């Protein structure tokens, strides 16, 4: 075999490997043990008609202000579409595929992205639902939902690349972590290598901007709350789970000496209960006090470490060092445990 022939074969191997990785499914089918809970959740949250709205907005507002209540009600559809898609994969009941298809189609038709990542972070389940059932969708629904995800992903990337400001907190704090999650999931599900490269660049940039040298994240210094540490790291770790499906290790990906693993190590003593923390005592954000005064739970008192179950459940799949922490927190009830397993 000539050297040139071996080179050609090796190149073909790399192309095949790359194609396989890019086409890897985002979500797996649910385990049988999850089916009863999924059915119960759909019975609880599904509505007779789609609740699609042209825009949702709850970020920065309190219950009963503006369209907060309507938005929270409408966002239940994003949970339902994921659960229905999961059930279709698990039980193949036509009514579940019909429900998921209808919601994918209706939101693609009605909703216009605001590119507010806090309002839209729940669209991760819409993206995951599409990934679960794309091959079973009517071609027209497949196209409209795919076009919607394309517009969402490219719109966020364009704004991240064009409008970034290091001096503006929402471009480096948890807001940007949620942007990174959405564009990573979108690029993976669309199986678009160019979008994937751009998403990876944004992920790496966020590491350097957000994670401090000691492993703490800037959200902790802004909010004095471990709730926001988790809210910052969970979307980044979700992105790392997606990257794992493409054969890439983003948990240990390093930028300026920091990584997600570095930040998780900082959080471990709190997650194990070795250290306690009183939440939001010195928050610099006035809205945190407003939510506490409005009686919203979680904006005062000691941090409940169970809130990190989903985060460390994913981390344990990426690095076995975190398995004891995940086990101590108990099973995660989040969608990521159904999608990624573990």
C-alpha atoms as a PDB file:
ATOM      1  CA  UNK A   1       0.000   0.000   0.000  1.00  0.00           C
ATOM      2  CA  UNK A   2       1.500   3.340  -1.045  1.00  0.00           C
ATOM      3  CA  UNK A   3       1.963   6.221   1.342  1.00  0.00           C
ATOM      4  CA  UNK A   4      -0.444   8.328  -0.724  1.00  0.00           C
ATOM      5  CA  UNK A   5      -3.119   5.591  -0.634  1.00  0.00           C
ATOM      6  CA  UNK A   6      -2.778   5.278   3.150  1.00  0.00           C
ATOM      7  CA  UNK A   7      -3.154   9.054   3.430  1.00  0.00           C
ATOM      8  CA  UNK A   8      -6.372   8.979   1.375  1.00  0.00           C
ATOM      9  CA  UNK A   9      -7.807   6.166   3.499  1.00  0.00           C
ATOM     10  CA  UNK A  10      -6.954   8.016   6.698  1.00  0.00           C
ATOM     11  CA  UNK A  11      -8.613  11.176   5.374  1.00  0.00           C
ATOM     12  CA  UNK A  12     -11.752   9.195   4.524  1.00  0.00           C
ATOM     13  CA  UNK A  13     -11.719   7.742   8.031  1.00  0.00           C
ATOM     14  CA  UNK A  14     -11.554  11.214   9.562  1.00  0.00           C
ATOM     15  CA  UNK A  15     -14.434  12.422   7.383  1.00  0.00           C
ATOM     16  CA  UNK A  16     -16.532   9.407   8.401  1.00  0.00           C
ATOM     17  CA  UNK A  17     -15.704   9.954  12.058  1.00  0.00           C
ATOM     18  CA  UNK A  18     -16.552  13.647  11.839  1.00  0.00           C
ATOM     19  CA  UNK A  19     -19.849  12.959  10.043  1.00  0.00           C
ATOM     20  CA  UNK A  20     -20.807  10.350  12.622  1.00  0.00           C
ATOM     21  CA  UNK A  21     -20.082  12.699  15.501  1.00  0.00           C
ATOM     22  CA  UNK A  22     -21.996  15.585  13.964  1.00  0.00           C
ATOM     23  CA  UNK A  23     -25.042  13.398  13.389  1.00  0.00           C
ATOM     24  CA  UNK A  24     -25.117  11.971  16.917  1.00  0.00           C
ATOM     25  CA  UNK A  25     -28.527  12.274  18.552  1.00  0.00           C
ATOM     26  CA  UNK A  26     -28.782  14.850  21.305  1.00  0.00           C
ATOM     27  CA  UNK A  27     -31.243  12.889  23.452  1.00  0.00           C
ATOM     28  CA  UNK A  28     -31.740   9.228  24.169  1.00  0.00           C
ATOM     29  CA  UNK A  29     -35.073   7.459  24.622  1.00  0.00           C
ATOM     30  CA  UNK A  30     -36.408   7.532  28.195  1.00  0.00           C
ATOM     31  CA  UNK A  31     -35.912   4.549  30.498  1.00  0.00           C
ATOM     32  CA  UNK A  32     -39.089   2.538  31.236  1.00  0.00           C
ATOM     33  CA  UNK A  33     -39.015   3.794  34.816  1.00  0.00           C
ATOM     34  CA  UNK A  34     -39.629   7.352  33.580  1.00  0.00           C
ATOM     35  CA  UNK A  35     -42.741   6.671  31.503  1.00  0.00           C
ATOM     36  CA  UNK A  36     -45.275   6.836  34.337  1.00  0.00           C
ATOM     37  CA  UNK A  37     -43.928  10.195  35.475  1.00  0.00           C
ATOM     38  CA  UNK A  38     -43.938  11.576  31.945  1.00  0.00           C
ATOM     39  CA  UNK A  39     -47.570  10.574  31.445  1.00  0.00           C
ATOM     40  CA  UNK A  40     -48.537  12.181  34.738  1.00  0.00           C
ATOM     41  CA  UNK A  41     -46.676  15.375  33.841  1.00  0.00           C
ATOM     42  CA  UNK A  42     -48.476  15.676  30.517  1.00  0.00           C
ATOM     43  CA  UNK A  43     -51.872  15.149  32.133  1.00  0.00           C
ATOM     44  CA  UNK A  44     -51.001  17.908  34.599  1.00  0.00           C
ATOM     45  CA  UNK A  45     -49.587  20.508  32.203  1.00  0.00           C
ATOM     46  CA  UNK A  46     -51.025  19.889  28.730  1.00  0.00           C
ATOM     47  CA  UNK A  47     -53.745  22.244  27.489  1.00  0.00           C
ATOM     48  CA  UNK A  48     -56.465  21.591  24.935  1.00  0.00           C
ATOM     49  CA  UNK A  49     -54.933  24.220  22.652  1.00  0.00           C
ATOM     50  CA  UNK A  50     -51.435  25.478  22.080  1.00  0.00           C
ATOM     51  CA  UNK A  51     -50.471  28.395  24.323  1.00  0.00           C
ATOM     52  CA  UNK A  52     -48.054  29.869  21.766  1.00  0.00           C
ATOM     53  CA  UNK A  53     -47.555  33.636  22.118  1.00  0.00           C
ATOM     54  CA  UNK A  54     -45.687  36.073  19.852  1.00  0.00           C
ATOM     55  CA  UNK A  55     -43.373  36.856  22.763  1.00  0.00           C
ATOM     56  CA  UNK A  56     -42.877  35.693  26.340  1.00  0.00           C
ATOM     57  CA  UNK A  57     -41.439  37.900  29.051  1.00  0.00           C
ATOM     58  CA  UNK A  58     -41.023  37.201  32.739  1.00  0.00           C
ATOM     59  CA  UNK A  59     -37.385  38.215  33.297  1.00  0.00           C
ATOM     60  CA  UNK A  60     -37.038  41.151  35.662  1.00  0.00           C
ATOM     61  CA  UNK A  61     -40.724  41.185  36.620  1.00  0.00           C
ATOM     62  CA  UNK A  62     -42.747  39.800  39.499  1.00  0.00           C
ATOM     63  CA  UNK A  63     -45.859  37.619  39.402  1.00  0.00           C
ATOM     64  CA  UNK A  64     -48.925  39.521  38.156  1.00  0.00           C
ATOM     65  CA  UNK A  65     -46.761  42.230  36.545  1.00  0.00           C
ATOM     66  CA  UNK A  66     -46.917  42.776  32.781  1.00  0.00           C
ATOM     67  CA  UNK A  67     -47.266  39.457  30.944  1.00  0.00           C
ATOM     68  CA  UNK A  68     -45.446  37.454  33.628  1.00  0.00           C
ATOM     69  CA  UNK A  69     -48.365  35.141  34.420  1.00  0.00           C
ATOM     70  CA  UNK A  70     -49.321  34.578  30.765  1.00  0.00           C
ATOM     71  CA  UNK A  71     -45.698  33.890  29.881  1.00  0.00           C
ATOM     72  CA  UNK A  72     -45.227  31.323  32.627  1.00  0.00           C
ATOM     73  CA  UNK A  73     -48.418  29.600  31.556  1.00  0.00           C
ATOM     74  CA  UNK A  74     -47.376  29.572  27.893  1.00  0.00           C
ATOM     75  CA  UNK A  75     -43.910  28.226  28.713  1.00  0.00           C
ATOM     76  CA  UNK A  76     -45.541  25.082  30.045  1.00  0.00           C
ATOM     77  CA  UNK A  77     -45.907  24.124  26.370  1.00  0.00           C
ATOM     78  CA  UNK A  78     -42.103  23.857  26.142  1.00  0.00           C
ATOM     79  CA  UNK A  79     -42.170  21.302  28.943  1.00  0.00           C
ATOM     80  CA  UNK A  80     -45.103  19.453  27.418  1.00  0.00           C
ATOM     81  CA  UNK A  81     -43.565  19.216  23.940  1.00  0.00           C
ATOM     82  CA  UNK A  82     -40.413  17.651  25.394  1.00  0.00           C
ATOM     83  CA  UNK A  83     -42.364  15.212  27.569  1.00  0.00           C
ATOM     84  CA  UNK A  84     -44.611  14.222  24.655  1.00  0.00           C
ATOM     85  CA  UNK A  85     -41.591  13.670  22.398  1.00  0.00           C
ATOM     86  CA  UNK A  86     -39.991  11.546  25.098  1.00  0.00           C
ATOM     87  CA  UNK A  87     -43.159   9.495  25.465  1.00  0.00           C
ATOM     88  CA  UNK A  88     -43.361   8.962  21.728  1.00  0.00           C
ATOM     89  CA  UNK A  89     -39.837   7.567  21.805  1.00  0.00           C
ATOM     90  CA  UNK A  90     -40.682   5.410  24.813  1.00  0.00           C
ATOM     91  CA  UNK A  91     -44.185   4.132  24.001  1.00  0.00           C
ATOM     92  CA  UNK A  92     -44.942   5.121  20.386  1.00  0.00           C
ATOM     93  CA  UNK A  93     -48.499   6.201  21.108  1.00  0.00           C
ATOM     94  CA  UNK A  94     -49.797   8.272  18.166  1.00  0.00           C
ATOM     95  CA  UNK A  95     -51.417  10.856  20.425  1.00  0.00           C
ATOM     96  CA  UNK A  96     -48.017  11.788  21.883  1.00  0.00           C
ATOM     97  CA  UNK A  97     -46.496  12.345  18.455  1.00  0.00           C
ATOM     98  CA  UNK A  98     -49.563  14.371  17.445  1.00  0.00           C
ATOM     99  CA  UNK A  99     -49.282  16.566  20.546  1.00  0.00           C
ATOM    100  CA  UNK A 100     -45.545  17.144  20.160  1.00  0.00           C
ATOM    101  CA  UNK A 101     -45.889  17.869  16.428  1.00  0.00           C
ATOM    102  CA  UNK A 102     -48.675  20.372  17.007  1.00  0.00           C
ATOM    103  CA  UNK A 103     -46.698  22.273  19.625  1.00  0.00           C
ATOM    104  CA  UNK A 104     -43.542  22.336  17.524  1.00  0.00           C
ATOM    105  CA  UNK A 105     -45.522  23.687  14.575  1.00  0.00           C
ATOM    106  CA  UNK A 106     -47.568  26.230  16.531  1.00  0.00           C
ATOM    107  CA  UNK A 107     -44.622  27.818  18.343  1.00  0.00           C
ATOM    108  CA  UNK A 108     -42.589  27.949  15.127  1.00  0.00           C
ATOM    109  CA  UNK A 109     -45.476  29.777  13.459  1.00  0.00           C
ATOM    110  CA  UNK A 110     -46.448  32.186  16.241  1.00  0.00           C
ATOM    111  CA  UNK A 111     -43.365  32.944  18.342  1.00  0.00           C
ATOM    112  CA  UNK A 112     -40.793  35.575  17.408  1.00  0.00           C
ATOM    113  CA  UNK A 113     -37.531  35.279  19.372  1.00  0.00           C
ATOM    114  CA  UNK A 114     -36.745  38.219  21.634  1.00  0.00           C
ATOM    115  CA  UNK A 115     -33.177  36.968  22.161  1.00  0.00           C
ATOM    116  CA  UNK A 116     -33.571  37.467  25.892  1.00  0.00           C
ATOM    117  CA  UNK A 117     -31.835  34.274  27.104  1.00  0.00           C
ATOM    118  CA  UNK A 118     -33.540  34.259  30.492  1.00  0.00           C
ATOM    119  CA  UNK A 119     -36.990  34.334  28.936  1.00  0.00           C
ATOM    120  CA  UNK A 120     -35.966  31.820  26.270  1.00  0.00           C
ATOM    121  CA  UNK A 121     -33.698  29.397  28.127  1.00  0.00           C
ATOM    122  CA  UNK A 122     -36.629  26.958  28.346  1.00  0.00           C
ATOM    123  CA  UNK A 123     -36.545  26.573  24.567  1.00  0.00           C
ATOM    124  CA  UNK A 124     -33.799  24.039  25.231  1.00  0.00           C
ATOM    125  CA  UNK A 125     -36.634  21.545  25.606  1.00  0.00           C
ATOM    126  CA  UNK A 126     -38.189  22.591  22.302  1.00  0.00           C
ATOM    127  CA  UNK A 127     -34.825  21.929  20.622  1.00  0.00           C
ATOM    128  CA  UNK A 128     -34.446  18.587  22.396  1.00  0.00           C
ATOM    129  CA  UNK A 129     -38.014  17.588  21.448  1.00  0.00           C
ATOM    130  CA  UNK A 130     -37.309  18.296  17.792  1.00  0.00           C
ATOM    131  CA  UNK A 131     -34.182  16.151  17.989  1.00  0.00           C
ATOM    132  CA  UNK A 132     -36.136  13.276  19.509  1.00  0.00           C
ATOM    133  CA  UNK A 133     -38.835  13.054  16.849  1.00  0.00           C
ATOM    134  CA  UNK A 134     -37.534  14.819  13.742  1.00  0.00           C
ATOM    135  CA  UNK A 135     -37.531  11.631  11.651  1.00  0.00           C
ATOM    136  CA  UNK A 136     -41.188  10.976  12.518  1.00  0.00           C
ATOM    137  CA  UNK A 137     -42.475  14.483  11.808  1.00  0.00           C
ATOM    138  CA  UNK A 138     -44.509  15.484   8.806  1.00  0.00           C
ATOM    139  CA  UNK A 139     -41.999  17.094   6.384  1.00  0.00           C
ATOM    140  CA  UNK A 140     -43.692  20.477   6.626  1.00  0.00           C
ATOM    141  CA  UNK A 141     -43.537  20.475  10.435  1.00  0.00           C
ATOM    142  CA  UNK A 142     -39.939  19.261  10.304  1.00  0.00           C
ATOM    143  CA  UNK A 143     -39.038  22.180   8.054  1.00  0.00           C
ATOM    144  CA  UNK A 144     -40.872  24.862  10.040  1.00  0.00           C
ATOM    145  CA  UNK A 145     -39.469  23.695  13.386  1.00  0.00           C
ATOM    146  CA  UNK A 146     -35.997  23.318  11.903  1.00  0.00           C
ATOM    147  CA  UNK A 147     -36.191  26.810  10.402  1.00  0.00           C
ATOM    148  CA  UNK A 148     -37.267  28.180  13.787  1.00  0.00           C
ATOM    149  CA  UNK A 149     -34.274  26.572  15.522  1.00  0.00           C
ATOM    150  CA  UNK A 150     -32.023  27.867  12.744  1.00  0.00           C
ATOM    151  CA  UNK A 151     -33.310  31.426  13.242  1.00  0.00           C
ATOM    152  CA  UNK A 152     -32.946  31.159  17.021  1.00  0.00           C
ATOM    153  CA  UNK A 153     -29.400  29.800  16.833  1.00  0.00           C
ATOM    154  CA  UNK A 154     -28.070  32.148  14.176  1.00  0.00           C
ATOM    155  CA  UNK A 155     -29.808  35.132  15.764  1.00  0.00           C
ATOM    156  CA  UNK A 156     -28.151  34.518  19.116  1.00  0.00           C
ATOM    157  CA  UNK A 157     -24.748  33.910  17.540  1.00  0.00           C
ATOM    158  CA  UNK A 158     -24.955  37.069  15.469  1.00  0.00           C
ATOM    159  CA  UNK A 159     -25.747  39.135  18.553  1.00  0.00           C
ATOM    160  CA  UNK A 160     -23.026  37.452  20.637  1.00  0.00           C
ATOM    161  CA  UNK A 161     -20.429  38.138  17.959  1.00  0.00           C
ATOM    162  CA  UNK A 162     -21.627  41.661  17.122  1.00  0.00           C
ATOM    163  CA  UNK A 163     -22.822  43.169  20.393  1.00  0.00           C
ATOM    164  CA  UNK A 164     -20.503  41.707  23.062  1.00  0.00           C
ATOM    165  CA  UNK A 165     -19.379  44.185  25.716  1.00  0.00           C
ATOM    166  CA  UNK A 166     -17.061  43.050  28.493  1.00  0.00           C
ATOM    167  CA  UNK A 167     -18.269  45.919  30.690  1.00  0.00           C
ATOM    168  CA  UNK A 168     -21.931  44.871  30.496  1.00  0.00           C
ATOM    169  CA  UNK A 169     -22.801  42.142  32.974  1.00  0.00           C
ATOM    170  CA  UNK A 170     -25.431  40.385  30.891  1.00  0.00           C
ATOM    171  CA  UNK A 171     -22.816  39.610  28.228  1.00  0.00           C
ATOM    172  CA  UNK A 172     -20.603  37.731  30.686  1.00  0.00           C
ATOM    173  CA  UNK A 173     -22.798  36.501  33.549  1.00  0.00           C
ATOM    174  CA  UNK A 174     -25.451  33.767  33.627  1.00  0.00           C
ATOM    175  CA  UNK A 175     -27.313  35.429  30.751  1.00  0.00           C
ATOM    176  CA  UNK A 176     -24.476  34.575  28.413  1.00  0.00           C
ATOM    177  CA  UNK A 177     -24.175  31.036  29.769  1.00  0.00           C
ATOM    178  CA  UNK A 178     -27.787  30.494  28.716  1.00  0.00           C
ATOM    179  CA  UNK A 179     -27.021  31.935  25.285  1.00  0.00           C
ATOM    180  CA  UNK A 180     -24.118  29.498  24.983  1.00  0.00           C
ATOM    181  CA  UNK A 181     -26.379  26.576  25.882  1.00  0.00           C
ATOM    182  CA  UNK A 182     -29.005  27.481  23.300  1.00  0.00           C
ATOM    183  CA  UNK A 183     -26.550  28.006  20.431  1.00  0.00           C
ATOM    184  CA  UNK A 184     -24.656  24.813  21.298  1.00  0.00           C
ATOM    185  CA  UNK A 185     -27.838  22.743  21.319  1.00  0.00           C
ATOM    186  CA  UNK A 186     -29.112  24.434  18.176  1.00  0.00           C
ATOM    187  CA  UNK A 187     -25.882  23.887  16.246  1.00  0.00           C
ATOM    188  CA  UNK A 188     -25.730  20.241  17.293  1.00  0.00           C
ATOM    189  CA  UNK A 189     -29.346  19.477  16.401  1.00  0.00           C
ATOM    190  CA  UNK A 190     -29.046  21.288  13.070  1.00  0.00           C
ATOM    191  CA  UNK A 191     -25.879  19.269  12.400  1.00  0.00           C
ATOM    192  CA  UNK A 192     -24.192  22.404  11.093  1.00  0.00           C
ATOM    193  CA  UNK A 193     -20.412  22.306  11.429  1.00  0.00           C
ATOM    194  CA  UNK A 194     -19.950  26.043  10.885  1.00  0.00           C
ATOM    195  CA  UNK A 195     -22.510  26.923  13.557  1.00  0.00           C
ATOM    196  CA  UNK A 196     -20.880  24.369  15.860  1.00  0.00           C
ATOM    197  CA  UNK A 197     -17.456  26.018  15.477  1.00  0.00           C
ATOM    198  CA  UNK A 198     -18.986  29.414  16.284  1.00  0.00           C
ATOM    199  CA  UNK A 199     -20.788  27.988  19.332  1.00  0.00           C
ATOM    200  CA  UNK A 200     -17.545  26.455  20.592  1.00  0.00           C
ATOM    201  CA  UNK A 201     -15.794  29.813  20.267  1.00  0.00           C
ATOM    202  CA  UNK A 202     -18.516  31.454  22.360  1.00  0.00           C
ATOM    203  CA  UNK A 203     -18.276  28.707  24.980  1.00  0.00           C
ATOM    204  CA  UNK A 204     -14.519  29.200  25.310  1.00  0.00           C
ATOM    205  CA  UNK A 205     -14.896  32.982  25.498  1.00  0.00           C
ATOM    206  CA  UNK A 206     -17.471  32.643  28.290  1.00  0.00           C
ATOM    207  CA  UNK A 207     -15.052  30.580  30.368  1.00  0.00           C
ATOM    208  CA  UNK A 208     -12.502  33.376  30.328  1.00  0.00           C
ATOM    209  CA  UNK A 209     -15.008  36.144  30.980  1.00  0.00           C
ATOM    210  CA  UNK A 210     -17.077  34.463  33.679  1.00  0.00           C
ATOM    211  CA  UNK A 211     -14.955  32.065  35.741  1.00  0.00           C
ATOM    212  CA  UNK A 212     -12.471  33.629  38.143  1.00  0.00           C
ATOM    213  CA  UNK A 213      -8.993  32.332  38.928  1.00  0.00           C
ATOM    214  CA  UNK A 214     -10.170  30.748  42.198  1.00  0.00           C
ATOM    215  CA  UNK A 215     -12.991  28.910  40.390  1.00  0.00           C
ATOM    216  CA  UNK A 216     -15.791  31.187  41.553  1.00  0.00           C
ATOM    217  CA  UNK A 217     -18.075  32.672  38.914  1.00  0.00           C
ATOM    218  CA  UNK A 218     -18.844  36.346  38.550  1.00  0.00           C
ATOM    219  CA  UNK A 219     -22.508  35.688  39.377  1.00  0.00           C
ATOM    220  CA  UNK A 220     -21.506  34.741  42.930  1.00  0.00           C
ATOM    221  CA  UNK A 221     -19.802  38.090  43.407  1.00  0.00           C
ATOM    222  CA  UNK A 222     -22.812  39.924  41.942  1.00  0.00           C
ATOM    223  CA  UNK A 223     -25.568  38.039  43.726  1.00  0.00           C
ATOM    224  CA  UNK A 224     -23.916  36.444  46.785  1.00  0.00           C
ATOM    225  CA  UNK A 225     -25.988  33.363  46.042  1.00  0.00           C
ATOM    226  CA  UNK A 226     -25.101  29.777  45.216  1.00  0.00           C
ATOM    227  CA  UNK A 227     -28.429  29.599  43.411  1.00  0.00           C
ATOM    228  CA  UNK A 228     -26.872  31.799  40.740  1.00  0.00           C
ATOM    229  CA  UNK A 229     -23.654  29.806  40.681  1.00  0.00           C
ATOM    230  CA  UNK A 230     -25.720  26.772  39.702  1.00  0.00           C
ATOM    231  CA  UNK A 231     -27.837  28.854  37.314  1.00  0.00           C
ATOM    232  CA  UNK A 232     -24.625  29.944  35.615  1.00  0.00           C
ATOM    233  CA  UNK A 233     -22.833  26.581  35.500  1.00  0.00           C
ATOM    234  CA  UNK A 234     -25.799  24.353  34.616  1.00  0.00           C
ATOM    235  CA  UNK A 235     -26.257  25.705  31.062  1.00  0.00           C
ATOM    236  CA  UNK A 236     -22.500  25.538  30.439  1.00  0.00           C
ATOM    237  CA  UNK A 237     -22.414  21.943  31.666  1.00  0.00           C
ATOM    238  CA  UNK A 238     -25.422  21.156  29.468  1.00  0.00           C
ATOM    239  CA  UNK A 239     -23.382  22.481  26.543  1.00  0.00           C
ATOM    240  CA  UNK A 240     -20.521  20.214  27.641  1.00  0.00           C
ATOM    241  CA  UNK A 241     -22.908  17.241  27.633  1.00  0.00           C
ATOM    242  CA  UNK A 242     -23.895  18.081  24.073  1.00  0.00           C
ATOM    243  CA  UNK A 243     -20.213  18.351  23.130  1.00  0.00           C
ATOM    244  CA  UNK A 244     -19.566  14.928  24.665  1.00  0.00           C
ATOM    245  CA  UNK A 245     -22.020  13.498  22.131  1.00  0.00           C
ATOM    246  CA  UNK A 246     -19.780  14.912  19.422  1.00  0.00           C
ATOM    247  CA  UNK A 247     -16.614  13.453  20.943  1.00  0.00           C
ATOM    248  CA  UNK A 248     -15.378  16.702  22.511  1.00  0.00           C
ATOM    249  CA  UNK A 249     -14.418  17.318  26.151  1.00  0.00           C
ATOM    250  CA  UNK A 250     -15.644  20.755  27.144  1.00  0.00           C
ATOM    251  CA  UNK A 251     -15.699  20.117  30.899  1.00  0.00           C
ATOM    252  CA  UNK A 252     -11.917  20.405  31.039  1.00  0.00           C
ATOM    253  CA  UNK A 253     -11.554  22.807  28.123  1.00  0.00           C
ATOM    254  CA  UNK A 254      -9.286  25.509  29.478  1.00  0.00           C
ATOM    255  CA  UNK A 255      -9.337  29.261  28.925  1.00  0.00           C
ATOM    256  CA  UNK A 256      -6.854  31.461  30.791  1.00  0.00           C
ATOM    257  CA  UNK A 257      -6.330  28.727  33.377  1.00  0.00           C
ATOM    258  CA  UNK A 258     -10.016  28.124  34.155  1.00  0.00           C
ATOM    259  CA  UNK A 259     -12.609  25.533  33.121  1.00  0.00           C
ATOM    260  CA  UNK A 260     -16.043  24.315  34.149  1.00  0.00           C
ATOM    261  CA  UNK A 261     -14.312  21.623  36.200  1.00  0.00           C
ATOM    262  CA  UNK A 262     -12.435  24.384  38.014  1.00  0.00           C
ATOM    263  CA  UNK A 263     -15.713  26.101  38.868  1.00  0.00           C
ATOM    264  CA  UNK A 264     -17.354  22.828  39.935  1.00  0.00           C
ATOM    265  CA  UNK A 265     -14.438  22.140  42.278  1.00  0.00           C
ATOM    266  CA  UNK A 266     -15.079  25.524  43.892  1.00  0.00           C
ATOM    267  CA  UNK A 267     -18.728  24.569  44.425  1.00  0.00           C
ATOM    268  CA  UNK A 268     -18.110  21.036  45.744  1.00  0.00           C
ATOM    269  CA  UNK A 269     -17.697  21.949  49.470  1.00  0.00           C
ATOM    270  CA  UNK A 270     -21.090  23.658  49.400  1.00  0.00           C
ATOM    271  CA  UNK A 271     -22.718  20.852  47.405  1.00  0.00           C
ATOM    272  CA  UNK A 272     -21.503  18.252  49.891  1.00  0.00           C
ATOM    273  CA  UNK A 273     -22.683  20.288  52.876  1.00  0.00           C
ATOM    274  CA  UNK A 274     -19.186  20.864  54.250  1.00  0.00           C
ATOM    275  CA  UNK A 275     -19.776  24.586  53.888  1.00  0.00           C
ATOM    276  CA  UNK A 276     -23.055  26.468  54.271  1.00  0.00           C
ATOM    277  CA  UNK A 277     -24.081  29.732  52.692  1.00  0.00           C
ATOM    278  CA  UNK A 278     -26.774  32.269  53.489  1.00  0.00           C
ATOM    279  CA  UNK A 279     -28.277  33.342  50.197  1.00  0.00           C
ATOM    280  CA  UNK A 280     -28.435  36.885  48.723  1.00  0.00           C
ATOM    281  CA  UNK A 281     -27.259  38.657  51.892  1.00  0.00           C
ATOM    282  CA  UNK A 282     -24.920  40.972  50.002  1.00  0.00           C
ATOM    283  CA  UNK A 283     -26.479  40.881  46.548  1.00  0.00           C
ATOM    284  CA  UNK A 284     -25.750  43.952  44.424  1.00  0.00           C
ATOM    285  CA  UNK A 285     -28.970  43.437  42.431  1.00  0.00           C
ATOM    286  CA  UNK A 286     -32.001  45.249  43.843  1.00  0.00           C
ATOM    287  CA  UNK A 287     -34.408  42.874  42.126  1.00  0.00           C
ATOM    288  CA  UNK A 288     -33.279  40.063  44.433  1.00  0.00           C
ATOM    289  CA  UNK A 289     -34.597  42.003  47.433  1.00  0.00           C
ATOM    290  CA  UNK A 290     -37.813  42.775  45.522  1.00  0.00           C
ATOM    291  CA  UNK A 291     -38.403  39.080  44.929  1.00  0.00           C
ATOM    292  CA  UNK A 292     -37.685  38.262  48.541  1.00  0.00           C
ATOM    293  CA  UNK A 293     -40.073  40.990  49.712  1.00  0.00           C
ATOM    294  CA  UNK A 294     -42.717  39.654  47.312  1.00  0.00           C
ATOM    295  CA  UNK A 295     -42.528  36.299  49.091  1.00  0.00           C
ATOM    296  CA  UNK A 296     -40.867  34.377  46.270  1.00  0.00           C
ATOM    297  CA  UNK A 297     -39.063  31.343  47.661  1.00  0.00           C
ATOM    298  CA  UNK A 298     -35.315  30.840  47.497  1.00  0.00           C
ATOM    299  CA  UNK A 299     -34.276  34.480  47.815  1.00  0.00           C
ATOM    300  CA  UNK A 300     -33.099  34.263  51.405  1.00  0.00           C
ATOM    301  CA  UNK A 301     -32.051  31.756  54.029  1.00  0.00           C
ATOM    302  CA  UNK A 302     -29.542  28.915  53.688  1.00  0.00           C
ATOM    303  CA  UNK A 303     -28.857  27.480  50.253  1.00  0.00           C
ATOM    304  CA  UNK A 304     -30.506  24.125  49.566  1.00  0.00           C
ATOM    305  CA  UNK A 305     -27.746  21.979  48.074  1.00  0.00           C
ATOM    306  CA  UNK A 306     -30.343  19.739  46.379  1.00  0.00           C
ATOM    307  CA  UNK A 307     -30.616  22.515  43.838  1.00  0.00           C
ATOM    308  CA  UNK A 308     -27.308  21.331  42.389  1.00  0.00           C
ATOM    309  CA  UNK A 309     -28.521  17.775  41.675  1.00  0.00           C
ATOM    310  CA  UNK A 310     -28.974  18.261  37.928  1.00  0.00           C
ATOM    311  CA  UNK A 311     -25.642  20.079  37.626  1.00  0.00           C
ATOM    312  CA  UNK A 312     -23.601  17.389  39.343  1.00  0.00           C
ATOM    313  CA  UNK A 313     -25.651  14.632  37.709  1.00  0.00           C
ATOM    314  CA  UNK A 314     -24.315  15.850  34.373  1.00  0.00           C
ATOM    315  CA  UNK A 315     -20.843  16.558  35.735  1.00  0.00           C
ATOM    316  CA  UNK A 316     -20.578  12.962  36.994  1.00  0.00           C
ATOM    317  CA  UNK A 317     -21.122  11.682  33.462  1.00  0.00           C
ATOM    318  CA  UNK A 318     -18.345  13.894  32.202  1.00  0.00           C
ATOM    319  CA  UNK A 319     -15.887  13.180  35.021  1.00  0.00           C
ATOM    320  CA  UNK A 320     -16.297  10.314  37.547  1.00  0.00           C
ATOM    321  CA  UNK A 321     -14.710  12.473  40.257  1.00  0.00           C
ATOM    322  CA  UNK A 322     -18.110  14.104  40.692  1.00  0.00           C
ATOM    323  CA  UNK A 323     -20.061  10.861  41.103  1.00  0.00           C
ATOM    324  CA  UNK A 324     -19.926  10.860  44.953  1.00  0.00           C
ATOM    325  CA  UNK A 325     -21.223  14.433  45.004  1.00  0.00           C
ATOM    326  CA  UNK A 326     -24.026  13.597  42.572  1.00  0.00           C
ATOM    327  CA  UNK A 327     -25.015  10.513  44.575  1.00  0.00           C
ATOM    328  CA  UNK A 328     -25.118  12.531  47.798  1.00  0.00           C
ATOM    329  CA  UNK A 329     -27.543  14.994  46.204  1.00  0.00           C
ATOM    330  CA  UNK A 330     -29.943  12.312  45.015  1.00  0.00           C
ATOM    331  CA  UNK A 331     -31.535  11.842  41.598  1.00  0.00           C
ATOM    332  CA  UNK A 332     -32.124  14.845  39.393  1.00  0.00           C
ATOM    333  CA  UNK A 333     -35.669  15.633  38.328  1.00  0.00           C
ATOM    334  CA  UNK A 334     -34.565  17.906  35.509  1.00  0.00           C
ATOM    335  CA  UNK A 335     -35.080  17.318  31.801  1.00  0.00           C
ATOM    336  CA  UNK A 336     -31.348  16.843  31.287  1.00  0.00           C
ATOM    337  CA  UNK A 337     -31.340  13.589  33.236  1.00  0.00           C
ATOM    338  CA  UNK A 338     -33.998  12.228  30.853  1.00  0.00           C
ATOM    339  CA  UNK A 339     -32.256  13.542  27.758  1.00  0.00           C
ATOM    340  CA  UNK A 340     -28.682  12.574  28.579  1.00  0.00           C
ATOM    341  CA  UNK A 341     -29.258   9.740  31.069  1.00  0.00           C
ATOM    342  CA  UNK A 342     -27.058   9.072  34.054  1.00  0.00           C
END
